[in-house]
PDB file of all heavy atoms in Angstrom:
ATOM      1  N   GLY A   1      -5.359 -11.012 -15.941  1.00  0.00           N
ATOM      2  CA  GLY A   1      -6.507 -11.890 -15.990  1.00  0.00           C
ATOM      3  C   GLY A   1      -7.410 -11.456 -17.137  1.00  0.00           C
ATOM      4  O   GLY A   1      -7.085 -10.605 -17.960  1.00  0.00           O
ATOM      5  N   ASP A   2      -8.567 -12.084 -17.182  1.00  0.00           N
ATOM      6  CA  ASP A   2      -9.592 -11.750 -18.196  1.00  0.00           C
ATOM      7  C   ASP A   2      -9.955 -10.246 -18.119  1.00  0.00           C
ATOM      8  O   ASP A   2     -10.263  -9.778 -17.013  1.00  0.00           O
ATOM      9  CB  ASP A   2     -10.848 -12.601 -18.016  1.00  0.00           C
ATOM     10  CG  ASP A   2     -10.570 -14.072 -18.353  1.00  0.00           C
ATOM     11  OD1 ASP A   2      -9.612 -14.357 -19.051  1.00  0.00           O
ATOM     12  OD2 ASP A   2     -11.389 -14.903 -17.895  1.00  0.00           O
ATOM     13  N   GLY A   3      -9.938  -9.566 -19.241  1.00  0.00           N
ATOM     14  CA  GLY A   3     -10.276  -8.139 -19.259  1.00  0.00           C
ATOM     15  C   GLY A   3      -9.247  -7.200 -18.697  1.00  0.00           C
ATOM     16  O   GLY A   3      -9.508  -6.064 -18.543  1.00  0.00           O
ATOM     17  N   GLN A   4      -8.060  -7.784 -18.444  1.00  0.00           N
ATOM     18  CA  GLN A   4      -6.987  -6.921 -17.848  1.00  0.00           C
ATOM     19  C   GLN A   4      -5.834  -6.775 -18.880  1.00  0.00           C
ATOM     20  O   GLN A   4      -5.752  -7.496 -19.890  1.00  0.00           O
ATOM     21  CB  GLN A   4      -6.380  -7.492 -16.592  1.00  0.00           C
ATOM     22  CG  GLN A   4      -7.415  -7.563 -15.440  1.00  0.00           C
ATOM     23  CD  GLN A   4      -6.813  -8.139 -14.149  1.00  0.00           C
ATOM     24  OE1 GLN A   4      -5.948  -9.016 -14.205  1.00  0.00           O
ATOM     25  NE2 GLN A   4      -7.280  -7.626 -13.021  1.00  0.00           N
ATOM     26  N   VAL A   5      -4.973  -5.782 -18.659  1.00  0.00           N
ATOM     27  CA  VAL A   5      -3.790  -5.570 -19.484  1.00  0.00           C
ATOM     28  C   VAL A   5      -2.556  -5.407 -18.600  1.00  0.00           C
ATOM     29  O   VAL A   5      -2.666  -4.982 -17.462  1.00  0.00           O
ATOM     30  CB  VAL A   5      -3.973  -4.316 -20.377  1.00  0.00           C
ATOM     31  CG1 VAL A   5      -5.092  -4.505 -21.353  1.00  0.00           C
ATOM     32  CG2 VAL A   5      -4.240  -3.068 -19.559  1.00  0.00           C
ATOM     33  N   LEU A   6      -1.446  -5.744 -19.178  1.00  0.00           N
ATOM     34  CA  LEU A   6      -0.162  -5.484 -18.533  1.00  0.00           C
ATOM     35  C   LEU A   6       0.387  -4.122 -18.947  1.00  0.00           C
ATOM     36  O   LEU A   6       0.374  -3.773 -20.092  1.00  0.00           O
ATOM     37  CB  LEU A   6       0.850  -6.567 -18.934  1.00  0.00           C
ATOM     38  CG  LEU A   6       2.251  -6.498 -18.273  1.00  0.00           C
ATOM     39  CD1 LEU A   6       2.174  -6.756 -16.758  1.00  0.00           C
ATOM     40  CD2 LEU A   6       3.212  -7.447 -18.930  1.00  0.00           C
ATOM     41  N   LEU A   7       0.740  -3.353 -18.023  1.00  0.00           N
ATOM     42  CA  LEU A   7       1.292  -2.060 -18.269  1.00  0.00           C
ATOM     43  C   LEU A   7       2.696  -1.825 -17.701  1.00  0.00           C
ATOM     44  O   LEU A   7       3.009  -2.256 -16.583  1.00  0.00           O
ATOM     45  CB  LEU A   7       0.371  -0.992 -17.571  1.00  0.00           C
ATOM     46  CG  LEU A   7      -1.011  -0.869 -18.059  1.00  0.00           C
ATOM     47  CD1 LEU A   7      -1.849   0.114 -17.178  1.00  0.00           C
ATOM     48  CD2 LEU A   7      -1.154  -0.456 -19.499  1.00  0.00           C
ATOM     49  N   LYS A   8       3.559  -1.269 -18.488  1.00  0.00           N
ATOM     50  CA  LYS A   8       4.883  -0.850 -18.033  1.00  0.00           C
ATOM     51  C   LYS A   8       4.674   0.475 -17.311  1.00  0.00           C
ATOM     52  O   LYS A   8       4.072   1.433 -17.852  1.00  0.00           O
ATOM     53  CB  LYS A   8       5.840  -0.607 -19.237  1.00  0.00           C
ATOM     54  CG  LYS A   8       7.231  -0.163 -18.812  1.00  0.00           C
ATOM     55  CD  LYS A   8       8.179   0.075 -19.966  1.00  0.00           C
ATOM     56  CE  LYS A   8       9.514   0.500 -19.544  1.00  0.00           C
ATOM     57  NZ  LYS A   8      10.444   0.704 -20.710  1.00  0.00           N
ATOM     58  N   VAL A   9       5.153   0.524 -16.104  1.00  0.00           N
ATOM     59  CA  VAL A   9       4.968   1.712 -15.276  1.00  0.00           C
ATOM     60  C   VAL A   9       5.938   2.843 -15.653  1.00  0.00           C
ATOM     61  O   VAL A   9       7.126   2.631 -15.531  1.00  0.00           O
ATOM     62  CB  VAL A   9       5.081   1.387 -13.775  1.00  0.00           C
ATOM     63  CG1 VAL A   9       4.894   2.646 -12.909  1.00  0.00           C
ATOM     64  CG2 VAL A   9       3.989   0.319 -13.332  1.00  0.00           C
ATOM     65  N   ARG A  10       5.396   3.915 -16.169  1.00  0.00           N
ATOM     66  CA  ARG A  10       6.288   5.050 -16.449  1.00  0.00           C
ATOM     67  C   ARG A  10       6.401   6.006 -15.285  1.00  0.00           C
ATOM     68  O   ARG A  10       7.444   6.674 -15.070  1.00  0.00           O
ATOM     69  CB  ARG A  10       5.669   5.824 -17.697  1.00  0.00           C
ATOM     70  CG  ARG A  10       5.605   4.999 -18.969  1.00  0.00           C
ATOM     71  CD  ARG A  10       4.888   5.732 -20.070  1.00  0.00           C
ATOM     72  NE  ARG A  10       5.580   6.891 -20.536  1.00  0.00           N
ATOM     73  CZ  ARG A  10       6.172   7.036 -21.717  1.00  0.00           C
ATOM     74  NH1 ARG A  10       6.158   6.010 -22.565  1.00  0.00           N
ATOM     75  NH2 ARG A  10       6.736   8.151 -22.077  1.00  0.00           N
ATOM     76  N   ALA A  11       5.356   6.093 -14.462  1.00  0.00           N
ATOM     77  CA  ALA A  11       5.346   6.926 -13.240  1.00  0.00           C
ATOM     78  C   ALA A  11       4.198   6.444 -12.364  1.00  0.00           C
ATOM     79  O   ALA A  11       3.115   6.118 -12.839  1.00  0.00           O
ATOM     80  CB  ALA A  11       5.218   8.362 -13.541  1.00  0.00           C
ATOM     81  N   ALA A  12       4.460   6.456 -11.091  1.00  0.00           N
ATOM     82  CA  ALA A  12       3.396   6.037 -10.072  1.00  0.00           C
ATOM     83  C   ALA A  12       3.235   7.090  -9.008  1.00  0.00           C
ATOM     84  O   ALA A  12       4.239   7.421  -8.320  1.00  0.00           O
ATOM     85  CB  ALA A  12       3.779   4.695  -9.408  1.00  0.00           C
ATOM     86  N   ASN A  13       2.090   7.693  -8.942  1.00  0.00           N
ATOM     87  CA  ASN A  13       1.834   8.749  -7.951  1.00  0.00           C
ATOM     88  C   ASN A  13       1.499   8.102  -6.612  1.00  0.00           C
ATOM     89  O   ASN A  13       0.810   7.130  -6.479  1.00  0.00           O
ATOM     90  CB  ASN A  13       0.620   9.607  -8.402  1.00  0.00           C
ATOM     91  CG  ASN A  13       0.274  10.703  -7.419  1.00  0.00           C
ATOM     92  OD1 ASN A  13       1.146  11.350  -6.868  1.00  0.00           O
ATOM     93  ND2 ASN A  13      -1.022  10.877  -7.161  1.00  0.00           N
ATOM     94  N   ILE A  14       2.047   8.703  -5.523  1.00  0.00           N
ATOM     95  CA  ILE A  14       1.739   8.261  -4.161  1.00  0.00           C
ATOM     96  C   ILE A  14       0.489   8.966  -3.620  1.00  0.00           C
ATOM     97  O   ILE A  14       0.415  10.194  -3.630  1.00  0.00           O
ATOM     98  CB  ILE A  14       2.900   8.501  -3.237  1.00  0.00           C
ATOM     99  CG1 ILE A  14       4.169   7.802  -3.745  1.00  0.00           C
ATOM    100  CG2 ILE A  14       2.625   8.063  -1.801  1.00  0.00           C
ATOM    101  CD1 ILE A  14       5.470   8.158  -2.995  1.00  0.00           C
ATOM    102  N   ASN A  15      -0.492   8.168  -3.201  1.00  0.00           N
ATOM    103  CA  ASN A  15      -1.684   8.673  -2.635  1.00  0.00           C
ATOM    104  C   ASN A  15      -1.813   8.249  -1.165  1.00  0.00           C
ATOM    105  O   ASN A  15      -1.247   7.228  -0.763  1.00  0.00           O
ATOM    106  CB  ASN A  15      -2.922   8.134  -3.390  1.00  0.00           C
ATOM    107  CG  ASN A  15      -3.128   8.778  -4.744  1.00  0.00           C
ATOM    108  OD1 ASN A  15      -3.754   9.786  -4.837  1.00  0.00           O
ATOM    109  ND2 ASN A  15      -2.573   8.196  -5.799  1.00  0.00           N
ATOM    110  N   PHE A  16      -2.568   9.052  -0.416  1.00  0.00           N
ATOM    111  CA  PHE A  16      -2.750   8.683   1.026  1.00  0.00           C
ATOM    112  C   PHE A  16      -3.374   7.276   1.225  1.00  0.00           C
ATOM    113  O   PHE A  16      -2.954   6.552   2.149  1.00  0.00           O
ATOM    114  CB  PHE A  16      -3.568   9.755   1.753  1.00  0.00           C
ATOM    115  CG  PHE A  16      -3.385   9.713   3.249  1.00  0.00           C
ATOM    116  CD1 PHE A  16      -2.215  10.059   3.774  1.00  0.00           C
ATOM    117  CD2 PHE A  16      -4.443   9.349   4.063  1.00  0.00           C
ATOM    118  CE1 PHE A  16      -2.025  10.030   5.200  1.00  0.00           C
ATOM    119  CE2 PHE A  16      -4.274   9.298   5.410  1.00  0.00           C
ATOM    120  CZ  PHE A  16      -3.050   9.665   6.005  1.00  0.00           C
ATOM    121  N   PRO A  17      -4.287   6.862   0.364  1.00  0.00           N
ATOM    122  CA  PRO A  17      -4.731   5.425   0.493  1.00  0.00           C
ATOM    123  C   PRO A  17      -3.631   4.395   0.413  1.00  0.00           C
ATOM    124  O   PRO A  17      -3.727   3.364   1.054  1.00  0.00           O
ATOM    125  CB  PRO A  17      -5.698   5.294  -0.631  1.00  0.00           C
ATOM    126  CG  PRO A  17      -6.281   6.631  -0.884  1.00  0.00           C
ATOM    127  CD  PRO A  17      -5.077   7.590  -0.660  1.00  0.00           C
ATOM    128  N   ASP A  18      -2.537   4.701  -0.301  1.00  0.00           N
ATOM    129  CA  ASP A  18      -1.414   3.746  -0.275  1.00  0.00           C
ATOM    130  C   ASP A  18      -0.814   3.639   1.095  1.00  0.00           C
ATOM    131  O   ASP A  18      -0.415   2.528   1.558  1.00  0.00           O
ATOM    132  CB  ASP A  18      -0.317   4.268  -1.263  1.00  0.00           C
ATOM    133  CG  ASP A  18      -0.767   4.305  -2.695  1.00  0.00           C
ATOM    134  OD1 ASP A  18      -1.325   3.253  -3.167  1.00  0.00           O
ATOM    135  OD2 ASP A  18      -0.523   5.279  -3.405  1.00  0.00           O
ATOM    136  N   VAL A  19      -0.714   4.743   1.812  1.00  0.00           N
ATOM    137  CA  VAL A  19      -0.253   4.765   3.213  1.00  0.00           C
ATOM    138  C   VAL A  19      -1.199   3.920   4.098  1.00  0.00           C
ATOM    139  O   VAL A  19      -0.775   3.051   4.834  1.00  0.00           O
ATOM    140  CB  VAL A  19      -0.128   6.204   3.731  1.00  0.00           C
ATOM    141  CG1 VAL A  19       0.321   6.143   5.206  1.00  0.00           C
ATOM    142  CG2 VAL A  19       0.820   7.002   2.885  1.00  0.00           C
ATOM    143  N   LEU A  20      -2.489   4.190   3.965  1.00  0.00           N
ATOM    144  CA  LEU A  20      -3.462   3.501   4.793  1.00  0.00           C
ATOM    145  C   LEU A  20      -3.529   2.042   4.506  1.00  0.00           C
ATOM    146  O   LEU A  20      -3.663   1.199   5.406  1.00  0.00           O
ATOM    147  CB  LEU A  20      -4.867   4.126   4.600  1.00  0.00           C
ATOM    148  CG  LEU A  20      -5.013   5.586   5.045  1.00  0.00           C
ATOM    149  CD1 LEU A  20      -6.432   6.088   4.755  1.00  0.00           C
ATOM    150  CD2 LEU A  20      -4.721   5.741   6.496  1.00  0.00           C
ATOM    151  N   MET A  21      -3.427   1.653   3.202  1.00  0.00           N
ATOM    152  CA  MET A  21      -3.413   0.228   2.889  1.00  0.00           C
ATOM    153  C   MET A  21      -2.222  -0.501   3.500  1.00  0.00           C
ATOM    154  O   MET A  21      -2.255  -1.636   3.990  1.00  0.00           O
ATOM    155  CB  MET A  21      -3.500  -0.028   1.387  1.00  0.00           C
ATOM    156  CG  MET A  21      -4.918   0.010   0.860  1.00  0.00           C
ATOM    157  SD  MET A  21      -4.974  -0.502  -0.868  1.00  0.00           S
ATOM    158  CE  MET A  21      -4.561   0.983  -1.673  1.00  0.00           C
ATOM    159  N   THR A  22      -1.062   0.173   3.447  1.00  0.00           N
ATOM    160  CA  THR A  22       0.161  -0.368   4.023  1.00  0.00           C
ATOM    161  C   THR A  22      -0.025  -0.592   5.519  1.00  0.00           C
ATOM    162  O   THR A  22       0.386  -1.568   6.077  1.00  0.00           O
ATOM    163  CB  THR A  22       1.324   0.478   3.768  1.00  0.00           C
ATOM    164  OG1 THR A  22       1.567   0.694   2.348  1.00  0.00           O
ATOM    165  CG2 THR A  22       2.650  -0.043   4.357  1.00  0.00           C
ATOM    166  N   ARG A  23      -0.699   0.333   6.149  1.00  0.00           N
ATOM    167  CA  ARG A  23      -0.959   0.216   7.626  1.00  0.00           C
ATOM    168  C   ARG A  23      -2.111  -0.714   7.919  1.00  0.00           C
ATOM    169  O   ARG A  23      -2.352  -1.041   9.086  1.00  0.00           O
ATOM    170  CB  ARG A  23      -1.279   1.612   8.195  1.00  0.00           C
ATOM    171  CG  ARG A  23      -0.151   2.598   8.153  1.00  0.00           C
ATOM    172  CD  ARG A  23      -0.564   3.983   8.577  1.00  0.00           C
ATOM    173  NE  ARG A  23       0.510   4.935   8.660  1.00  0.00           N
ATOM    174  CZ  ARG A  23       0.368   6.264   8.719  1.00  0.00           C
ATOM    175  NH1 ARG A  23      -0.892   6.768   8.672  1.00  0.00           N
ATOM    176  NH2 ARG A  23       1.372   7.066   8.797  1.00  0.00           N
ATOM    177  N   GLY A  24      -2.863  -1.162   6.906  1.00  0.00           N
ATOM    178  CA  GLY A  24      -4.034  -1.992   7.164  1.00  0.00           C
ATOM    179  C   GLY A  24      -5.211  -1.258   7.658  1.00  0.00           C
ATOM    180  O   GLY A  24      -6.107  -1.828   8.251  1.00  0.00           O
ATOM    181  N   GLN A  25      -5.325   0.075   7.324  1.00  0.00           N
ATOM    182  CA  GLN A  25      -6.303   0.904   7.856  1.00  0.00           C
ATOM    183  C   GLN A  25      -7.332   1.423   6.783  1.00  0.00           C
ATOM    184  O   GLN A  25      -8.198   2.220   7.062  1.00  0.00           O
ATOM    185  CB  GLN A  25      -5.717   2.120   8.510  1.00  0.00           C
ATOM    186  CG  GLN A  25      -4.873   1.781   9.749  1.00  0.00           C
ATOM    187  CD  GLN A  25      -4.158   3.005  10.337  1.00  0.00           C
ATOM    188  OE1 GLN A  25      -4.027   4.035   9.668  1.00  0.00           O
ATOM    189  NE2 GLN A  25      -3.623   2.823  11.530  1.00  0.00           N
ATOM    190  N   TYR A  26      -7.175   0.986   5.491  1.00  0.00           N
ATOM    191  CA  TYR A  26      -8.021   1.450   4.481  1.00  0.00           C
ATOM    192  C   TYR A  26      -9.229   0.531   4.344  1.00  0.00           C
ATOM    193  O   TYR A  26      -9.186  -0.666   4.723  1.00  0.00           O
ATOM    194  CB  TYR A  26      -7.234   1.527   3.151  1.00  0.00           C
ATOM    195  CG  TYR A  26      -7.875   2.341   2.076  1.00  0.00           C
ATOM    196  CD1 TYR A  26      -8.239   3.684   2.320  1.00  0.00           C
ATOM    197  CD2 TYR A  26      -8.111   1.804   0.812  1.00  0.00           C
ATOM    198  CE1 TYR A  26      -8.815   4.395   1.305  1.00  0.00           C
ATOM    199  CE2 TYR A  26      -8.688   2.565  -0.204  1.00  0.00           C
ATOM    200  CZ  TYR A  26      -9.035   3.850   0.091  1.00  0.00           C
ATOM    201  OH  TYR A  26      -9.651   4.641  -0.936  1.00  0.00           O
ATOM    202  N   GLN A  27     -10.290   1.043   3.680  1.00  0.00           N
ATOM    203  CA  GLN A  27     -11.477   0.211   3.505  1.00  0.00           C
ATOM    204  C   GLN A  27     -11.244  -0.989   2.578  1.00  0.00           C
ATOM    205  O   GLN A  27     -11.929  -1.983   2.630  1.00  0.00           O
ATOM    206  CB  GLN A  27     -12.680   1.019   3.028  1.00  0.00           C
ATOM    207  CG  GLN A  27     -12.465   1.792   1.756  1.00  0.00           C
ATOM    208  CD  GLN A  27     -12.190   3.289   2.048  1.00  0.00           C
ATOM    209  OE1 GLN A  27     -11.493   3.579   2.983  1.00  0.00           O
ATOM    210  NE2 GLN A  27     -12.755   4.158   1.196  1.00  0.00           N
ATOM    211  N   VAL A  28     -10.265  -0.775   1.676  1.00  0.00           N
ATOM    212  CA  VAL A  28      -9.884  -1.862   0.773  1.00  0.00           C
ATOM    213  C   VAL A  28      -8.633  -2.527   1.379  1.00  0.00           C
ATOM    214  O   VAL A  28      -7.622  -1.836   1.619  1.00  0.00           O
ATOM    215  CB  VAL A  28      -9.568  -1.370  -0.629  1.00  0.00           C
ATOM    216  CG1 VAL A  28      -9.093  -2.492  -1.493  1.00  0.00           C
ATOM    217  CG2 VAL A  28     -10.770  -0.748  -1.235  1.00  0.00           C
ATOM    218  N   ARG A  29      -8.701  -3.791   1.646  1.00  0.00           N
ATOM    219  CA  ARG A  29      -7.511  -4.474   2.275  1.00  0.00           C
ATOM    220  C   ARG A  29      -7.132  -5.627   1.400  1.00  0.00           C
ATOM    221  O   ARG A  29      -7.624  -6.770   1.531  1.00  0.00           O
ATOM    222  CB  ARG A  29      -7.942  -4.988   3.719  1.00  0.00           C
ATOM    223  CG  ARG A  29      -8.246  -3.863   4.640  1.00  0.00           C
ATOM    224  CD  ARG A  29      -8.302  -4.326   6.070  1.00  0.00           C
ATOM    225  NE  ARG A  29      -8.608  -3.238   6.984  1.00  0.00           N
ATOM    226  CZ  ARG A  29      -8.587  -3.328   8.344  1.00  0.00           C
ATOM    227  NH1 ARG A  29      -8.269  -4.476   8.899  1.00  0.00           N
ATOM    228  NH2 ARG A  29      -8.840  -2.301   9.079  1.00  0.00           N
ATOM    229  N   PRO A  30      -6.125  -5.386   0.507  1.00  0.00           N
ATOM    230  CA  PRO A  30      -5.729  -6.495  -0.380  1.00  0.00           C
ATOM    231  C   PRO A  30      -5.021  -7.574   0.433  1.00  0.00           C
ATOM    232  O   PRO A  30      -4.421  -7.317   1.468  1.00  0.00           O
ATOM    233  CB  PRO A  30      -4.755  -5.778  -1.343  1.00  0.00           C
ATOM    234  CG  PRO A  30      -4.310  -4.566  -0.567  1.00  0.00           C
ATOM    235  CD  PRO A  30      -5.447  -4.144   0.221  1.00  0.00           C
ATOM    236  N   PRO A  31      -5.073  -8.854  -0.030  1.00  0.00           N
ATOM    237  CA  PRO A  31      -4.418  -9.881   0.686  1.00  0.00           C
ATOM    238  C   PRO A  31      -2.894  -9.730   0.648  1.00  0.00           C
ATOM    239  O   PRO A  31      -2.363  -9.223  -0.289  1.00  0.00           O
ATOM    240  CB  PRO A  31      -4.848 -11.146  -0.076  1.00  0.00           C
ATOM    241  CG  PRO A  31      -5.185 -10.678  -1.446  1.00  0.00           C
ATOM    242  CD  PRO A  31      -5.777  -9.299  -1.253  1.00  0.00           C
ATOM    243  N   LEU A  32      -2.301 -10.091   1.754  1.00  0.00           N
ATOM    244  CA  LEU A  32      -0.792 -10.003   1.843  1.00  0.00           C
ATOM    245  C   LEU A  32      -0.185 -11.226   1.171  1.00  0.00           C
ATOM    246  O   LEU A  32      -0.765 -12.326   1.250  1.00  0.00           O
ATOM    247  CB  LEU A  32      -0.379 -10.009   3.283  1.00  0.00           C
ATOM    248  CG  LEU A  32      -0.868  -8.816   4.137  1.00  0.00           C
ATOM    249  CD1 LEU A  32      -0.664  -9.030   5.601  1.00  0.00           C
ATOM    250  CD2 LEU A  32      -0.236  -7.501   3.673  1.00  0.00           C
ATOM    251  N   PRO A  33       0.950 -11.013   0.517  1.00  0.00           N
ATOM    252  CA  PRO A  33       1.649  -9.756   0.257  1.00  0.00           C
ATOM    253  C   PRO A  33       1.006  -9.039  -0.975  1.00  0.00           C
ATOM    254  O   PRO A  33       0.426  -9.668  -1.811  1.00  0.00           O
ATOM    255  CB  PRO A  33       3.074 -10.185  -0.052  1.00  0.00           C
ATOM    256  CG  PRO A  33       2.923 -11.526  -0.725  1.00  0.00           C
ATOM    257  CD  PRO A  33       1.758 -12.231  -0.005  1.00  0.00           C
TER     258      PRO A  33
END
C-alpha cells in the first residue's frame, strides 16, 4: 500500500506474540485469515 514496500523474506524469527496471535490472545488481532 501507500508508504509500504514488498520484501523477499530471507529469514523470519518466531516470537511469542506470533503464538498468541494465532491463538487469538494477543492485544493485536489481525482479521482472519
